[in-house]
Amino acid sequence: MAIPQLSPEERQAALEKAKAARIKRAKVRDDLKSGKLTLKKVL
């Protein structure tokens, strides 16, 4: 499957969405490590 060509605006939106997802995953990972969250709650 070929990668779709994105306009600059679409690319920027995709980058921001990916950044938000990375930040959210990092927070969940940190909360798991600190004990604020359990794996059962995450899943």
PDB file of N, CA and C in Angstrom:
ATOM      1  N   MET A   1       0.847  -1.177   0.000  1.00  0.00           N
ATOM      2  CA  MET A   1       0.000   0.000   0.000  1.00  0.00           C
ATOM      3  C   MET A   1       0.896   1.245   0.000  1.00  0.00           C
ATOM      4  N   ALA A   2       0.646   2.133  -0.887  1.00  0.00           N
ATOM      5  CA  ALA A   2       1.438   3.349  -1.011  1.00  0.00           C
ATOM      6  C   ALA A   2       1.046   4.353   0.074  1.00  0.00           C
ATOM      7  N   ILE A   3       2.015   5.136   0.495  1.00  0.00           N
ATOM      8  CA  ILE A   3       1.752   6.182   1.480  1.00  0.00           C
ATOM      9  C   ILE A   3       1.067   7.337   0.754  1.00  0.00           C
ATOM     10  N   PRO A   4      -0.069   7.810   1.282  1.00  0.00           N
ATOM     11  CA  PRO A   4      -0.771   8.905   0.605  1.00  0.00           C
ATOM     12  C   PRO A   4       0.009  10.216   0.695  1.00  0.00           C
ATOM     13  N   GLN A   5      -0.089  11.008  -0.339  1.00  0.00           N
ATOM     14  CA  GLN A   5       0.538  12.319  -0.339  1.00  0.00           C
ATOM     15  C   GLN A   5      -0.385  13.279   0.421  1.00  0.00           C
ATOM     16  N   LEU A   6       0.171  13.952   1.413  1.00  0.00           N
ATOM     17  CA  LEU A   6      -0.622  14.863   2.238  1.00  0.00           C
ATOM     18  C   LEU A   6      -0.255  16.303   1.923  1.00  0.00           C
ATOM     19  N   SER A   7      -1.251  17.147   2.045  1.00  0.00           N
ATOM     20  CA  SER A   7      -0.973  18.576   1.919  1.00  0.00           C
ATOM     21  C   SER A   7      -0.212  19.008   3.174  1.00  0.00           C
ATOM     22  N   PRO A   8       0.430  20.150   3.127  1.00  0.00           N
ATOM     23  CA  PRO A   8       1.157  20.609   4.328  1.00  0.00           C
ATOM     24  C   PRO A   8       0.249  20.701   5.560  1.00  0.00           C
ATOM     25  N   GLU A   9      -0.986  21.126   5.368  1.00  0.00           N
ATOM     26  CA  GLU A   9      -1.921  21.247   6.490  1.00  0.00           C
ATOM     27  C   GLU A   9      -2.286  19.870   7.046  1.00  0.00           C
ATOM     28  N   GLU A  10      -2.529  18.909   6.151  1.00  0.00           N
ATOM     29  CA  GLU A  10      -2.862  17.549   6.584  1.00  0.00           C
ATOM     30  C   GLU A  10      -1.677  16.911   7.304  1.00  0.00           C
ATOM     31  N   ARG A  11      -0.478  17.154   6.789  1.00  0.00           N
ATOM     32  CA  ARG A  11       0.732  16.603   7.408  1.00  0.00           C
ATOM     33  C   ARG A  11       0.918  17.177   8.806  1.00  0.00           C
ATOM     34  N   GLN A  12       0.733  18.480   8.942  1.00  0.00           N
ATOM     35  CA  GLN A  12       0.876  19.123  10.248  1.00  0.00           C
ATOM     36  C   GLN A  12      -0.144  18.576  11.238  1.00  0.00           C
ATOM     37  N   ALA A  13      -1.382  18.384  10.790  1.00  0.00           N
ATOM     38  CA  ALA A  13      -2.422  17.829  11.658  1.00  0.00           C
ATOM     39  C   ALA A  13      -2.061  16.404  12.089  1.00  0.00           C
ATOM     40  N   ALA A  14      -1.529  15.609  11.175  1.00  0.00           N
ATOM     41  CA  ALA A  14      -1.134  14.240  11.492  1.00  0.00           C
ATOM     42  C   ALA A  14       0.019  14.230  12.496  1.00  0.00           C
ATOM     43  N   LEU A  15       0.974  15.142  12.327  1.00  0.00           N
ATOM     44  CA  LEU A  15       2.094  15.233  13.257  1.00  0.00           C
ATOM     45  C   LEU A  15       1.623  15.619  14.657  1.00  0.00           C
ATOM     46  N   GLU A  16       0.689  16.552  14.740  1.00  0.00           N
ATOM     47  CA  GLU A  16       0.164  16.976  16.034  1.00  0.00           C
ATOM     48  C   GLU A  16      -0.617  15.845  16.704  1.00  0.00           C
ATOM     49  N   LYS A  17      -1.378  15.102  15.908  1.00  0.00           N
ATOM     50  CA  LYS A  17      -2.134  13.968  16.444  1.00  0.00           C
ATOM     51  C   LYS A  17      -1.184  12.896  16.983  1.00  0.00           C
ATOM     52  N   ALA A  18      -0.118  12.634  16.241  1.00  0.00           N
ATOM     53  CA  ALA A  18       0.865  11.640  16.676  1.00  0.00           C
ATOM     54  C   ALA A  18       1.576  12.098  17.951  1.00  0.00           C
ATOM     55  N   LYS A  19       1.882  13.384  18.036  1.00  0.00           N
ATOM     56  CA  LYS A  19       2.539  13.925  19.227  1.00  0.00           C
ATOM     57  C   LYS A  19       1.635  13.773  20.448  1.00  0.00           C
ATOM     58  N   ALA A  20       0.353  14.063  20.287  1.00  0.00           N
ATOM     59  CA  ALA A  20      -0.593  13.925  21.394  1.00  0.00           C
ATOM     60  C   ALA A  20      -0.683  12.474  21.856  1.00  0.00           C
ATOM     61  N   ALA A  21      -0.665  11.546  20.911  1.00  0.00           N
ATOM     62  CA  ALA A  21      -0.723  10.120  21.260  1.00  0.00           C
ATOM     63  C   ALA A  21       0.529   9.704  22.022  1.00  0.00           C
ATOM     64  N   ARG A  22       1.700  10.200  21.603  1.00  0.00           N
ATOM     65  CA  ARG A  22       2.946   9.866  22.304  1.00  0.00           C
ATOM     66  C   ARG A  22       2.938  10.407  23.730  1.00  0.00           C
ATOM     67  N   ILE A  23       2.433  11.620  23.901  1.00  0.00           N
ATOM     68  CA  ILE A  23       2.372  12.232  25.226  1.00  0.00           C
ATOM     69  C   ILE A  23       1.432  11.434  26.130  1.00  0.00           C
ATOM     70  N   LYS A  24       0.293  11.022  25.582  1.00  0.00           N
ATOM     71  CA  LYS A  24      -0.678  10.256  26.364  1.00  0.00           C
ATOM     72  C   LYS A  24      -0.081   8.897  26.774  1.00  0.00           C
ATOM     73  N   ARG A  25       0.589   8.220  25.842  1.00  0.00           N
ATOM     74  CA  ARG A  25       1.220   6.934  26.173  1.00  0.00           C
ATOM     75  C   ARG A  25       2.296   7.102  27.236  1.00  0.00           C
ATOM     76  N   ALA A  26       3.065   8.182  27.153  1.00  0.00           N
ATOM     77  CA  ALA A  26       4.112   8.425  28.139  1.00  0.00           C
ATOM     78  C   ALA A  26       3.507   8.654  29.521  1.00  0.00           C
ATOM     79  N   LYS A  27       2.392   9.365  29.589  1.00  0.00           N
ATOM     80  CA  LYS A  27       1.735   9.601  30.877  1.00  0.00           C
ATOM     81  C   LYS A  27       1.222   8.295  31.459  1.00  0.00           C
ATOM     82  N   VAL A  28       0.596   7.470  30.638  1.00  0.00           N
ATOM     83  CA  VAL A  28       0.102   6.181  31.120  1.00  0.00           C
ATOM     84  C   VAL A  28       1.280   5.334  31.618  1.00  0.00           C
ATOM     85  N   ARG A  29       2.357   5.309  30.862  1.00  0.00           N
ATOM     86  CA  ARG A  29       3.543   4.534  31.260  1.00  0.00           C
ATOM     87  C   ARG A  29       4.088   5.036  32.591  1.00  0.00           C
ATOM     88  N   ASP A  30       4.182   6.349  32.755  1.00  0.00           N
ATOM     89  CA  ASP A  30       4.683   6.910  34.011  1.00  0.00           C
ATOM     90  C   ASP A  30       3.744   6.594  35.175  1.00  0.00           C
ATOM     91  N   ASP A  31       2.430   6.671  34.926  1.00  0.00           N
ATOM     92  CA  ASP A  31       1.459   6.354  35.976  1.00  0.00           C
ATOM     93  C   ASP A  31       1.529   4.881  36.360  1.00  0.00           C
ATOM     94  N   LEU A  32       1.784   4.022  35.396  1.00  0.00           N
ATOM     95  CA  LEU A  32       1.955   2.605  35.702  1.00  0.00           C
ATOM     96  C   LEU A  32       3.193   2.388  36.567  1.00  0.00           C
ATOM     97  N   LYS A  33       4.279   3.044  36.196  1.00  0.00           N
ATOM     98  CA  LYS A  33       5.531   2.887  36.942  1.00  0.00           C
ATOM     99  C   LYS A  33       5.399   3.399  38.376  1.00  0.00           C
ATOM    100  N   SER A  34       4.670   4.491  38.566  1.00  0.00           N
ATOM    101  CA  SER A  34       4.548   5.089  39.888  1.00  0.00           C
ATOM    102  C   SER A  34       3.485   4.413  40.733  1.00  0.00           C
ATOM    103  N   GLY A  35       2.659   3.574  40.118  1.00  0.00           N
ATOM    104  CA  GLY A  35       1.621   2.875  40.859  1.00  0.00           C
ATOM    105  C   GLY A  35       0.290   3.604  40.895  1.00  0.00           C
ATOM    106  N   LYS A  36       0.186   4.743  40.228  1.00  0.00           N
ATOM    107  CA  LYS A  36      -1.084   5.480  40.182  1.00  0.00           C
ATOM    108  C   LYS A  36      -2.127   4.718  39.386  1.00  0.00           C
ATOM    109  N   LEU A  37      -1.684   3.918  38.415  1.00  0.00           N
ATOM    110  CA  LEU A  37      -2.571   3.114  37.583  1.00  0.00           C
ATOM    111  C   LEU A  37      -2.137   1.654  37.668  1.00  0.00           C
ATOM    112  N   THR A  38      -3.100   0.768  37.486  1.00  0.00           N
ATOM    113  CA  THR A  38      -2.773  -0.643  37.384  1.00  0.00           C
ATOM    114  C   THR A  38      -2.977  -1.064  35.936  1.00  0.00           C
ATOM    115  N   LEU A  39      -2.344  -2.137  35.547  1.00  0.00           N
ATOM    116  CA  LEU A  39      -2.494  -2.625  34.182  1.00  0.00           C
ATOM    117  C   LEU A  39      -3.947  -2.988  33.909  1.00  0.00           C
ATOM    118  N   LYS A  40      -4.613  -3.508  34.923  1.00  0.00           N
ATOM    119  CA  LYS A  40      -6.024  -3.882  34.783  1.00  0.00           C
ATOM    120  C   LYS A  40      -6.872  -2.659  34.425  1.00  0.00           C
ATOM    121  N   LYS A  41      -6.591  -1.502  35.052  1.00  0.00           N
ATOM    122  CA  LYS A  41      -7.345  -0.284  34.758  1.00  0.00           C
ATOM    123  C   LYS A  41      -7.042   0.241  33.355  1.00  0.00           C
ATOM    124  N   VAL A  42      -5.806   0.082  32.936  1.00  0.00           N
ATOM    125  CA  VAL A  42      -5.410   0.578  31.613  1.00  0.00           C
ATOM    126  C   VAL A  42      -6.100  -0.219  30.513  1.00  0.00           C
ATOM    127  N   LEU A  43      -6.131  -1.538  30.705  1.00  0.00           N
ATOM    128  CA  LEU A  43      -6.724  -2.397  29.692  1.00  0.00           C
ATOM    129  C   LEU A  43      -8.218  -2.431  29.875  1.00  0.00           C
TER     130      LEU A  43
END
